[in-house]
Amino acid sequence: TFYCKRNLFEKFGYYSLNYGTAAD
């Protein structure tokens, strides 16, 4: 259900692969 503006990923980063199942 989570939708966000695409530019937020560019500004604040993508999903981190360092947190396992807690990345979201």
mmCIF file of all heavy atoms, coordinates in Angstrom:
data_MODEL
# 
_entry.id   MODEL 
# 
loop_
_atom_site.group_PDB 
_atom_site.id 
_atom_site.type_symbol 
_atom_site.label_atom_id 
_atom_site.label_alt_id 
_atom_site.label_comp_id 
_atom_site.label_asym_id 
_atom_site.label_entity_id 
_atom_site.label_seq_id 
_atom_site.pdbx_PDB_ins_code 
_atom_site.Cartn_x 
_atom_site.Cartn_y 
_atom_site.Cartn_z 
_atom_site.occupancy 
_atom_site.B_iso_or_equiv 
_atom_site.pdbx_formal_charge 
_atom_site.auth_seq_id 
_atom_site.auth_comp_id 
_atom_site.auth_asym_id 
_atom_site.auth_atom_id 
_atom_site.pdbx_PDB_model_num 
ATOM 1   N N   . THR A 1 1  ? 0.819  -1.214  0.000   1.00 0.00 ? 1  THR A N   1 
ATOM 2   C CA  . THR A 1 1  ? 0.000  0.000   0.000   1.00 0.00 ? 1  THR A CA  1 
ATOM 3   C C   . THR A 1 1  ? 0.849  1.259   0.000   1.00 0.00 ? 1  THR A C   1 
ATOM 4   O O   . THR A 1 1  ? 0.316  2.364   -0.013  1.00 0.00 ? 1  THR A O   1 
ATOM 5   C CB  . THR A 1 1  ? -0.942 0.058   1.222   1.00 0.00 ? 1  THR A CB  1 
ATOM 6   O OG1 . THR A 1 1  ? -0.192 0.406   2.402   1.00 0.00 ? 1  THR A OG1 1 
ATOM 7   C CG2 . THR A 1 1  ? -1.684 -1.244  1.416   1.00 0.00 ? 1  THR A CG2 1 
ATOM 8   N N   . PHE A 1 2  ? 2.155  1.121   0.018   1.00 0.00 ? 2  PHE A N   1 
ATOM 9   C CA  . PHE A 1 2  ? 3.078  2.247   0.161   1.00 0.00 ? 2  PHE A CA  1 
ATOM 10  C C   . PHE A 1 2  ? 3.491  2.769   -1.216  1.00 0.00 ? 2  PHE A C   1 
ATOM 11  O O   . PHE A 1 2  ? 4.094  2.053   -2.007  1.00 0.00 ? 2  PHE A O   1 
ATOM 12  C CB  . PHE A 1 2  ? 4.316  1.791   0.942   1.00 0.00 ? 2  PHE A CB  1 
ATOM 13  C CG  . PHE A 1 2  ? 5.285  2.883   1.277   1.00 0.00 ? 2  PHE A CG  1 
ATOM 14  C CD1 . PHE A 1 2  ? 5.069  3.700   2.373   1.00 0.00 ? 2  PHE A CD1 1 
ATOM 15  C CD2 . PHE A 1 2  ? 6.423  3.081   0.516   1.00 0.00 ? 2  PHE A CD2 1 
ATOM 16  C CE1 . PHE A 1 2  ? 5.971  4.699   2.702   1.00 0.00 ? 2  PHE A CE1 1 
ATOM 17  C CE2 . PHE A 1 2  ? 7.325  4.082   0.834   1.00 0.00 ? 2  PHE A CE2 1 
ATOM 18  C CZ  . PHE A 1 2  ? 7.111  4.887   1.923   1.00 0.00 ? 2  PHE A CZ  1 
ATOM 19  N N   . TYR A 1 3  ? 3.162  4.023   -1.494  1.00 0.00 ? 3  TYR A N   1 
ATOM 20  C CA  . TYR A 1 3  ? 3.525  4.689   -2.749  1.00 0.00 ? 3  TYR A CA  1 
ATOM 21  C C   . TYR A 1 3  ? 4.263  5.971   -2.414  1.00 0.00 ? 3  TYR A C   1 
ATOM 22  O O   . TYR A 1 3  ? 3.847  6.703   -1.509  1.00 0.00 ? 3  TYR A O   1 
ATOM 23  C CB  . TYR A 1 3  ? 2.277  5.021   -3.576  1.00 0.00 ? 3  TYR A CB  1 
ATOM 24  C CG  . TYR A 1 3  ? 1.622  3.812   -4.167  1.00 0.00 ? 3  TYR A CG  1 
ATOM 25  C CD1 . TYR A 1 3  ? 0.820  2.979   -3.392  1.00 0.00 ? 3  TYR A CD1 1 
ATOM 26  C CD2 . TYR A 1 3  ? 1.816  3.480   -5.501  1.00 0.00 ? 3  TYR A CD2 1 
ATOM 27  C CE1 . TYR A 1 3  ? 0.227  1.851   -3.934  1.00 0.00 ? 3  TYR A CE1 1 
ATOM 28  C CE2 . TYR A 1 3  ? 1.226  2.350   -6.052  1.00 0.00 ? 3  TYR A CE2 1 
ATOM 29  C CZ  . TYR A 1 3  ? 0.438  1.547   -5.258  1.00 0.00 ? 3  TYR A CZ  1 
ATOM 30  O OH  . TYR A 1 3  ? -0.140 0.422   -5.798  1.00 0.00 ? 3  TYR A OH  1 
ATOM 31  N N   . CYS A 1 4  ? 5.342  6.241   -3.127  1.00 0.00 ? 4  CYS A N   1 
ATOM 32  C CA  . CYS A 1 4  ? 6.071  7.482   -2.884  1.00 0.00 ? 4  CYS A CA  1 
ATOM 33  C C   . CYS A 1 4  ? 6.568  8.063   -4.198  1.00 0.00 ? 4  CYS A C   1 
ATOM 34  O O   . CYS A 1 4  ? 6.663  7.362   -5.209  1.00 0.00 ? 4  CYS A O   1 
ATOM 35  C CB  . CYS A 1 4  ? 7.214  7.283   -1.902  1.00 0.00 ? 4  CYS A CB  1 
ATOM 36  S SG  . CYS A 1 4  ? 8.569  6.281   -2.497  1.00 0.00 ? 4  CYS A SG  1 
ATOM 37  N N   . LYS A 1 5  ? 6.874  9.335   -4.160  1.00 0.00 ? 5  LYS A N   1 
ATOM 38  C CA  . LYS A 1 5  ? 7.398  9.992   -5.353  1.00 0.00 ? 5  LYS A CA  1 
ATOM 39  C C   . LYS A 1 5  ? 8.768  9.400   -5.683  1.00 0.00 ? 5  LYS A C   1 
ATOM 40  O O   . LYS A 1 5  ? 9.577  9.145   -4.790  1.00 0.00 ? 5  LYS A O   1 
ATOM 41  C CB  . LYS A 1 5  ? 7.445  11.498  -5.153  1.00 0.00 ? 5  LYS A CB  1 
ATOM 42  C CG  . LYS A 1 5  ? 6.051  12.093  -5.071  1.00 0.00 ? 5  LYS A CG  1 
ATOM 43  C CD  . LYS A 1 5  ? 6.059  13.585  -5.064  1.00 0.00 ? 5  LYS A CD  1 
ATOM 44  C CE  . LYS A 1 5  ? 4.625  14.114  -5.065  1.00 0.00 ? 5  LYS A CE  1 
ATOM 45  N NZ  . LYS A 1 5  ? 4.591  15.564  -4.836  1.00 0.00 ? 5  LYS A NZ  1 
ATOM 46  N N   . ARG A 1 6  ? 8.987  9.177   -6.955  1.00 0.00 ? 6  ARG A N   1 
ATOM 47  C CA  . ARG A 1 6  ? 10.224 8.523   -7.410  1.00 0.00 ? 6  ARG A CA  1 
ATOM 48  C C   . ARG A 1 6  ? 11.457 9.300   -6.993  1.00 0.00 ? 6  ARG A C   1 
ATOM 49  O O   . ARG A 1 6  ? 12.484 8.710   -6.636  1.00 0.00 ? 6  ARG A O   1 
ATOM 50  C CB  . ARG A 1 6  ? 10.196 8.337   -8.930  1.00 0.00 ? 6  ARG A CB  1 
ATOM 51  C CG  . ARG A 1 6  ? 11.432 7.652   -9.484  1.00 0.00 ? 6  ARG A CG  1 
ATOM 52  C CD  . ARG A 1 6  ? 11.335 7.396   -10.981 1.00 0.00 ? 6  ARG A CD  1 
ATOM 53  N NE  . ARG A 1 6  ? 10.910 8.534   -11.744 1.00 0.00 ? 6  ARG A NE  1 
ATOM 54  C CZ  . ARG A 1 6  ? 11.729 9.475   -12.231 1.00 0.00 ? 6  ARG A CZ  1 
ATOM 55  N NH1 . ARG A 1 6  ? 13.016 9.404   -12.027 1.00 0.00 ? 6  ARG A NH1 1 
ATOM 56  N NH2 . ARG A 1 6  ? 11.239 10.481  -12.930 1.00 0.00 ? 6  ARG A NH2 1 
ATOM 57  N N   . ASN A 1 7  ? 11.392 10.613  -7.016  1.00 0.00 ? 7  ASN A N   1 
ATOM 58  C CA  . ASN A 1 7  ? 12.582 11.407  -6.696  1.00 0.00 ? 7  ASN A CA  1 
ATOM 59  C C   . ASN A 1 7  ? 13.062 11.206  -5.258  1.00 0.00 ? 7  ASN A C   1 
ATOM 60  O O   . ASN A 1 7  ? 14.200 11.524  -4.934  1.00 0.00 ? 7  ASN A O   1 
ATOM 61  C CB  . ASN A 1 7  ? 12.353 12.886  -7.001  1.00 0.00 ? 7  ASN A CB  1 
ATOM 62  C CG  . ASN A 1 7  ? 11.316 13.534  -6.107  1.00 0.00 ? 7  ASN A CG  1 
ATOM 63  O OD1 . ASN A 1 7  ? 10.602 12.876  -5.356  1.00 0.00 ? 7  ASN A OD1 1 
ATOM 64  N ND2 . ASN A 1 7  ? 11.225 14.851  -6.189  1.00 0.00 ? 7  ASN A ND2 1 
ATOM 65  N N   . LEU A 1 8  ? 12.227 10.659  -4.388  1.00 0.00 ? 8  LEU A N   1 
ATOM 66  C CA  . LEU A 1 8  ? 12.663 10.397  -3.015  1.00 0.00 ? 8  LEU A CA  1 
ATOM 67  C C   . LEU A 1 8  ? 13.766 9.355   -2.975  1.00 0.00 ? 8  LEU A C   1 
ATOM 68  O O   . LEU A 1 8  ? 14.669 9.423   -2.139  1.00 0.00 ? 8  LEU A O   1 
ATOM 69  C CB  . LEU A 1 8  ? 11.484 9.943   -2.155  1.00 0.00 ? 8  LEU A CB  1 
ATOM 70  C CG  . LEU A 1 8  ? 10.336 10.928  -2.002  1.00 0.00 ? 8  LEU A CG  1 
ATOM 71  C CD1 . LEU A 1 8  ? 9.258  10.355  -1.094  1.00 0.00 ? 8  LEU A CD1 1 
ATOM 72  C CD2 . LEU A 1 8  ? 10.823 12.273  -1.493  1.00 0.00 ? 8  LEU A CD2 1 
ATOM 73  N N   . PHE A 1 9  ? 13.718 8.367   -3.874  1.00 0.00 ? 9  PHE A N   1 
ATOM 74  C CA  . PHE A 1 9  ? 14.770 7.357   -3.921  1.00 0.00 ? 9  PHE A CA  1 
ATOM 75  C C   . PHE A 1 9  ? 16.085 7.990   -4.356  1.00 0.00 ? 9  PHE A C   1 
ATOM 76  O O   . PHE A 1 9  ? 17.147 7.647   -3.844  1.00 0.00 ? 9  PHE A O   1 
ATOM 77  C CB  . PHE A 1 9  ? 14.392 6.213   -4.860  1.00 0.00 ? 9  PHE A CB  1 
ATOM 78  C CG  . PHE A 1 9  ? 13.238 5.390   -4.358  1.00 0.00 ? 9  PHE A CG  1 
ATOM 79  C CD1 . PHE A 1 9  ? 11.982 5.509   -4.944  1.00 0.00 ? 9  PHE A CD1 1 
ATOM 80  C CD2 . PHE A 1 9  ? 13.394 4.508   -3.305  1.00 0.00 ? 9  PHE A CD2 1 
ATOM 81  C CE1 . PHE A 1 9  ? 10.911 4.761   -4.486  1.00 0.00 ? 9  PHE A CE1 1 
ATOM 82  C CE2 . PHE A 1 9  ? 12.326 3.751   -2.839  1.00 0.00 ? 9  PHE A CE2 1 
ATOM 83  C CZ  . PHE A 1 9  ? 11.082 3.879   -3.424  1.00 0.00 ? 9  PHE A CZ  1 
ATOM 84  N N   . GLU A 1 10 ? 16.004 8.898   -5.310  1.00 0.00 ? 10 GLU A N   1 
ATOM 85  C CA  . GLU A 1 10 ? 17.208 9.569   -5.776  1.00 0.00 ? 10 GLU A CA  1 
ATOM 86  C C   . GLU A 1 10 ? 17.797 10.464  -4.677  1.00 0.00 ? 10 GLU A C   1 
ATOM 87  O O   . GLU A 1 10 ? 19.009 10.553  -4.521  1.00 0.00 ? 10 GLU A O   1 
ATOM 88  C CB  . GLU A 1 10 ? 16.891 10.395  -7.024  1.00 0.00 ? 10 GLU A CB  1 
ATOM 89  C CG  . GLU A 1 10 ? 16.453 9.536   -8.197  1.00 0.00 ? 10 GLU A CG  1 
ATOM 90  C CD  . GLU A 1 10 ? 15.729 10.302  -9.296  1.00 0.00 ? 10 GLU A CD  1 
ATOM 91  O OE1 . GLU A 1 10 ? 15.605 11.540  -9.196  1.00 0.00 ? 10 GLU A OE1 1 
ATOM 92  O OE2 . GLU A 1 10 ? 15.278 9.647   -10.248 1.00 0.00 ? 10 GLU A OE2 1 
ATOM 93  N N   . LYS A 1 11 ? 16.941 11.078  -3.898  1.00 0.00 ? 11 LYS A N   1 
ATOM 94  C CA  . LYS A 1 11 ? 17.384 12.011  -2.862  1.00 0.00 ? 11 LYS A CA  1 
ATOM 95  C C   . LYS A 1 11 ? 17.810 11.312  -1.573  1.00 0.00 ? 11 LYS A C   1 
ATOM 96  O O   . LYS A 1 11 ? 18.802 11.687  -0.955  1.00 0.00 ? 11 LYS A O   1 
ATOM 97  C CB  . LYS A 1 11 ? 16.254 13.008  -2.565  1.00 0.00 ? 11 LYS A CB  1 
ATOM 98  C CG  . LYS A 1 11 ? 16.639 14.105  -1.612  1.00 0.00 ? 11 LYS A CG  1 
ATOM 99  C CD  . LYS A 1 11 ? 15.534 15.142  -1.509  1.00 0.00 ? 11 LYS A CD  1 
ATOM 100 C CE  . LYS A 1 11 ? 15.955 16.274  -0.578  1.00 0.00 ? 11 LYS A CE  1 
ATOM 101 N NZ  . LYS A 1 11 ? 14.911 17.292  -0.463  1.00 0.00 ? 11 LYS A NZ  1 
ATOM 102 N N   . PHE A 1 12 ? 17.057 10.275  -1.149  1.00 0.00 ? 12 PHE A N   1 
ATOM 103 C CA  . PHE A 1 12 ? 17.289 9.657   0.154   1.00 0.00 ? 12 PHE A CA  1 
ATOM 104 C C   . PHE A 1 12 ? 17.814 8.225   0.083   1.00 0.00 ? 12 PHE A C   1 
ATOM 105 O O   . PHE A 1 12 ? 18.083 7.624   1.106   1.00 0.00 ? 12 PHE A O   1 
ATOM 106 C CB  . PHE A 1 12 ? 16.004 9.695   0.985   1.00 0.00 ? 12 PHE A CB  1 
ATOM 107 C CG  . PHE A 1 12 ? 15.524 11.086  1.252   1.00 0.00 ? 12 PHE A CG  1 
ATOM 108 C CD1 . PHE A 1 12 ? 14.417 11.595  0.589   1.00 0.00 ? 12 PHE A CD1 1 
ATOM 109 C CD2 . PHE A 1 12 ? 16.186 11.911  2.148   1.00 0.00 ? 12 PHE A CD2 1 
ATOM 110 C CE1 . PHE A 1 12 ? 13.967 12.885  0.823   1.00 0.00 ? 12 PHE A CE1 1 
ATOM 111 C CE2 . PHE A 1 12 ? 15.749 13.201  2.391   1.00 0.00 ? 12 PHE A CE2 1 
ATOM 112 C CZ  . PHE A 1 12 ? 14.640 13.695  1.728   1.00 0.00 ? 12 PHE A CZ  1 
ATOM 113 N N   . GLY A 1 13 ? 17.928 7.671   -1.102  1.00 0.00 ? 13 GLY A N   1 
ATOM 114 C CA  . GLY A 1 13 ? 18.485 6.333   -1.249  1.00 0.00 ? 13 GLY A CA  1 
ATOM 115 C C   . GLY A 1 13 ? 17.439 5.260   -1.485  1.00 0.00 ? 13 GLY A C   1 
ATOM 116 O O   . GLY A 1 13 ? 16.251 5.458   -1.257  1.00 0.00 ? 13 GLY A O   1 
ATOM 117 N N   . TYR A 1 14 ? 17.923 4.127   -1.926  1.00 0.00 ? 14 TYR A N   1 
ATOM 118 C CA  . TYR A 1 14 ? 17.094 2.971   -2.256  1.00 0.00 ? 14 TYR A CA  1 
ATOM 119 C C   . TYR A 1 14 ? 16.979 2.056   -1.032  1.00 0.00 ? 14 TYR A C   1 
ATOM 120 O O   . TYR A 1 14 ? 17.441 2.384   0.054   1.00 0.00 ? 14 TYR A O   1 
ATOM 121 C CB  . TYR A 1 14 ? 17.711 2.234   -3.445  1.00 0.00 ? 14 TYR A CB  1 
ATOM 122 C CG  . TYR A 1 14 ? 17.751 3.085   -4.695  1.00 0.00 ? 14 TYR A CG  1 
ATOM 123 C CD1 . TYR A 1 14 ? 18.809 3.946   -4.956  1.00 0.00 ? 14 TYR A CD1 1 
ATOM 124 C CD2 . TYR A 1 14 ? 16.708 3.052   -5.609  1.00 0.00 ? 14 TYR A CD2 1 
ATOM 125 C CE1 . TYR A 1 14 ? 18.832 4.746   -6.095  1.00 0.00 ? 14 TYR A CE1 1 
ATOM 126 C CE2 . TYR A 1 14 ? 16.713 3.841   -6.757  1.00 0.00 ? 14 TYR A CE2 1 
ATOM 127 C CZ  . TYR A 1 14 ? 17.784 4.685   -6.982  1.00 0.00 ? 14 TYR A CZ  1 
ATOM 128 O OH  . TYR A 1 14 ? 17.797 5.467   -8.103  1.00 0.00 ? 14 TYR A OH  1 
ATOM 129 N N   . TYR A 1 15 ? 16.381 0.885   -1.252  1.00 0.00 ? 15 TYR A N   1 
ATOM 130 C CA  . TYR A 1 15 ? 16.314 -0.104  -0.183  1.00 0.00 ? 15 TYR A CA  1 
ATOM 131 C C   . TYR A 1 15 ? 17.730 -0.557  0.134   1.00 0.00 ? 15 TYR A C   1 
ATOM 132 O O   . TYR A 1 15 ? 18.489 -0.937  -0.757  1.00 0.00 ? 15 TYR A O   1 
ATOM 133 C CB  . TYR A 1 15 ? 15.466 -1.310  -0.605  1.00 0.00 ? 15 TYR A CB  1 
ATOM 134 C CG  . TYR A 1 15 ? 14.006 -1.003  -0.690  1.00 0.00 ? 15 TYR A CG  1 
ATOM 135 C CD1 . TYR A 1 15 ? 13.419 -0.641  -1.902  1.00 0.00 ? 15 TYR A CD1 1 
ATOM 136 C CD2 . TYR A 1 15 ? 13.199 -1.056  0.437   1.00 0.00 ? 15 TYR A CD2 1 
ATOM 137 C CE1 . TYR A 1 15 ? 12.071 -0.342  -1.988  1.00 0.00 ? 15 TYR A CE1 1 
ATOM 138 C CE2 . TYR A 1 15 ? 11.846 -0.760  0.360   1.00 0.00 ? 15 TYR A CE2 1 
ATOM 139 C CZ  . TYR A 1 15 ? 11.296 -0.403  -0.854  1.00 0.00 ? 15 TYR A CZ  1 
ATOM 140 O OH  . TYR A 1 15 ? 9.968  -0.101  -0.926  1.00 0.00 ? 15 TYR A OH  1 
ATOM 141 N N   . SER A 1 16 ? 18.083 -0.539  1.400   1.00 0.00 ? 16 SER A N   1 
ATOM 142 C CA  . SER A 1 16 ? 19.408 -0.997  1.812   1.00 0.00 ? 16 SER A CA  1 
ATOM 143 C C   . SER A 1 16 ? 19.414 -2.519  1.873   1.00 0.00 ? 16 SER A C   1 
ATOM 144 O O   . SER A 1 16 ? 18.480 -3.123  2.406   1.00 0.00 ? 16 SER A O   1 
ATOM 145 C CB  . SER A 1 16 ? 19.756 -0.431  3.187   1.00 0.00 ? 16 SER A CB  1 
ATOM 146 O OG  . SER A 1 16 ? 20.948 -1.012  3.659   1.00 0.00 ? 16 SER A OG  1 
ATOM 147 N N   . LEU A 1 17 ? 20.458 -3.120  1.358   1.00 0.00 ? 17 LEU A N   1 
ATOM 148 C CA  . LEU A 1 17 ? 20.578 -4.575  1.412   1.00 0.00 ? 17 LEU A CA  1 
ATOM 149 C C   . LEU A 1 17 ? 21.246 -5.023  2.711   1.00 0.00 ? 17 LEU A C   1 
ATOM 150 O O   . LEU A 1 17 ? 21.488 -6.210  2.907   1.00 0.00 ? 17 LEU A O   1 
ATOM 151 C CB  . LEU A 1 17 ? 21.366 -5.084  0.202   1.00 0.00 ? 17 LEU A CB  1 
ATOM 152 C CG  . LEU A 1 17 ? 20.798 -4.694  -1.168  1.00 0.00 ? 17 LEU A CG  1 
ATOM 153 C CD1 . LEU A 1 17 ? 21.581 -5.388  -2.278  1.00 0.00 ? 17 LEU A CD1 1 
ATOM 154 C CD2 . LEU A 1 17 ? 19.320 -4.981  -1.288  1.00 0.00 ? 17 LEU A CD2 1 
ATOM 155 N N   . ASN A 1 18 ? 21.490 -4.088  3.606   1.00 0.00 ? 18 ASN A N   1 
ATOM 156 C CA  . ASN A 1 18 ? 22.166 -4.398  4.875   1.00 0.00 ? 18 ASN A CA  1 
ATOM 157 C C   . ASN A 1 18 ? 21.220 -4.797  5.998   1.00 0.00 ? 18 ASN A C   1 
ATOM 158 O O   . ASN A 1 18 ? 21.678 -5.150  7.078   1.00 0.00 ? 18 ASN A O   1 
ATOM 159 C CB  . ASN A 1 18 ? 22.983 -3.175  5.347   1.00 0.00 ? 18 ASN A CB  1 
ATOM 160 C CG  . ASN A 1 18 ? 24.075 -2.812  4.378   1.00 0.00 ? 18 ASN A CG  1 
ATOM 161 O OD1 . ASN A 1 18 ? 24.657 -3.673  3.739   1.00 0.00 ? 18 ASN A OD1 1 
ATOM 162 N ND2 . ASN A 1 18 ? 24.343 -1.525  4.255   1.00 0.00 ? 18 ASN A ND2 1 
ATOM 163 N N   . TYR A 1 19 ? 19.904 -4.722  5.766   1.00 0.00 ? 19 TYR A N   1 
ATOM 164 C CA  . TYR A 1 19 ? 18.957 -4.944  6.856   1.00 0.00 ? 19 TYR A CA  1 
ATOM 165 C C   . TYR A 1 19 ? 18.075 -6.175  6.684   1.00 0.00 ? 19 TYR A C   1 
ATOM 166 O O   . TYR A 1 19 ? 17.086 -6.337  7.393   1.00 0.00 ? 19 TYR A O   1 
ATOM 167 C CB  . TYR A 1 19 ? 18.082 -3.696  7.046   1.00 0.00 ? 19 TYR A CB  1 
ATOM 168 C CG  . TYR A 1 19 ? 18.878 -2.503  7.479   1.00 0.00 ? 19 TYR A CG  1 
ATOM 169 C CD1 . TYR A 1 19 ? 19.204 -1.502  6.571   1.00 0.00 ? 19 TYR A CD1 1 
ATOM 170 C CD2 . TYR A 1 19 ? 19.338 -2.389  8.780   1.00 0.00 ? 19 TYR A CD2 1 
ATOM 171 C CE1 . TYR A 1 19 ? 19.955 -0.396  6.957   1.00 0.00 ? 19 TYR A CE1 1 
ATOM 172 C CE2 . TYR A 1 19 ? 20.094 -1.301  9.186   1.00 0.00 ? 19 TYR A CE2 1 
ATOM 173 C CZ  . TYR A 1 19 ? 20.404 -0.317  8.270   1.00 0.00 ? 19 TYR A CZ  1 
ATOM 174 O OH  . TYR A 1 19 ? 21.153 0.757   8.656   1.00 0.00 ? 19 TYR A OH  1 
ATOM 175 N N   . GLY A 1 20 ? 18.393 -7.035  5.749   1.00 0.00 ? 20 GLY A N   1 
ATOM 176 C CA  . GLY A 1 20 ? 17.608 -8.252  5.560   1.00 0.00 ? 20 GLY A CA  1 
ATOM 177 C C   . GLY A 1 20 ? 16.140 -7.948  5.345   1.00 0.00 ? 20 GLY A C   1 
ATOM 178 O O   . GLY A 1 20 ? 15.786 -7.050  4.579   1.00 0.00 ? 20 GLY A O   1 
ATOM 179 N N   . THR A 1 21 ? 15.285 -8.660  6.058   1.00 0.00 ? 21 THR A N   1 
ATOM 180 C CA  . THR A 1 21 ? 13.842 -8.491  5.884   1.00 0.00 ? 21 THR A CA  1 
ATOM 181 C C   . THR A 1 21 ? 13.306 -7.195  6.473   1.00 0.00 ? 21 THR A C   1 
ATOM 182 O O   . THR A 1 21 ? 12.126 -6.894  6.307   1.00 0.00 ? 21 THR A O   1 
ATOM 183 C CB  . THR A 1 21 ? 13.075 -9.673  6.508   1.00 0.00 ? 21 THR A CB  1 
ATOM 184 O OG1 . THR A 1 21 ? 13.399 -9.731  7.901   1.00 0.00 ? 21 THR A OG1 1 
ATOM 185 C CG2 . THR A 1 21 ? 13.418 -10.984 5.828   1.00 0.00 ? 21 THR A CG2 1 
ATOM 186 N N   . ALA A 1 22 ? 14.149 -6.426  7.131   1.00 0.00 ? 22 ALA A N   1 
ATOM 187 C CA  . ALA A 1 22 ? 13.722 -5.142  7.699   1.00 0.00 ? 22 ALA A CA  1 
ATOM 188 C C   . ALA A 1 22 ? 14.028 -3.975  6.762   1.00 0.00 ? 22 ALA A C   1 
ATOM 189 O O   . ALA A 1 22 ? 13.892 -2.821  7.155   1.00 0.00 ? 22 ALA A O   1 
ATOM 190 C CB  . ALA A 1 22 ? 14.380 -4.923  9.054   1.00 0.00 ? 22 ALA A CB  1 
ATOM 191 N N   . ALA A 1 23 ? 14.435 -4.242  5.536   1.00 0.00 ? 23 ALA A N   1 
ATOM 192 C CA  . ALA A 1 23 ? 14.808 -3.160  4.617   1.00 0.00 ? 23 ALA A CA  1 
ATOM 193 C C   . ALA A 1 23 ? 13.642 -2.230  4.316   1.00 0.00 ? 23 ALA A C   1 
ATOM 194 O O   . ALA A 1 23 ? 13.841 -1.021  4.183   1.00 0.00 ? 23 ALA A O   1 
ATOM 195 C CB  . ALA A 1 23 ? 15.372 -3.740  3.316   1.00 0.00 ? 23 ALA A CB  1 
ATOM 196 N N   . ASP A 1 24 ? 12.427 -2.754  4.219   1.00 0.00 ? 24 ASP A N   1 
ATOM 197 C CA  . ASP A 1 24 ? 11.285 -1.874  3.963   1.00 0.00 ? 24 ASP A CA  1 
ATOM 198 C C   . ASP A 1 24 ? 10.996 -1.004  5.186   1.00 0.00 ? 24 ASP A C   1 
ATOM 199 O O   . ASP A 1 24 ? 10.711 0.184   5.061   1.00 0.00 ? 24 ASP A O   1 
ATOM 200 C CB  . ASP A 1 24 ? 10.046 -2.643  3.513   1.00 0.00 ? 24 ASP A CB  1 
ATOM 201 C CG  . ASP A 1 24 ? 9.668  -3.795  4.405   1.00 0.00 ? 24 ASP A CG  1 
ATOM 202 O OD1 . ASP A 1 24 ? 10.422 -4.144  5.330   1.00 0.00 ? 24 ASP A OD1 1 
ATOM 203 O OD2 . ASP A 1 24 ? 8.593  -4.373  4.170   1.00 0.00 ? 24 ASP A OD2 1 
# 
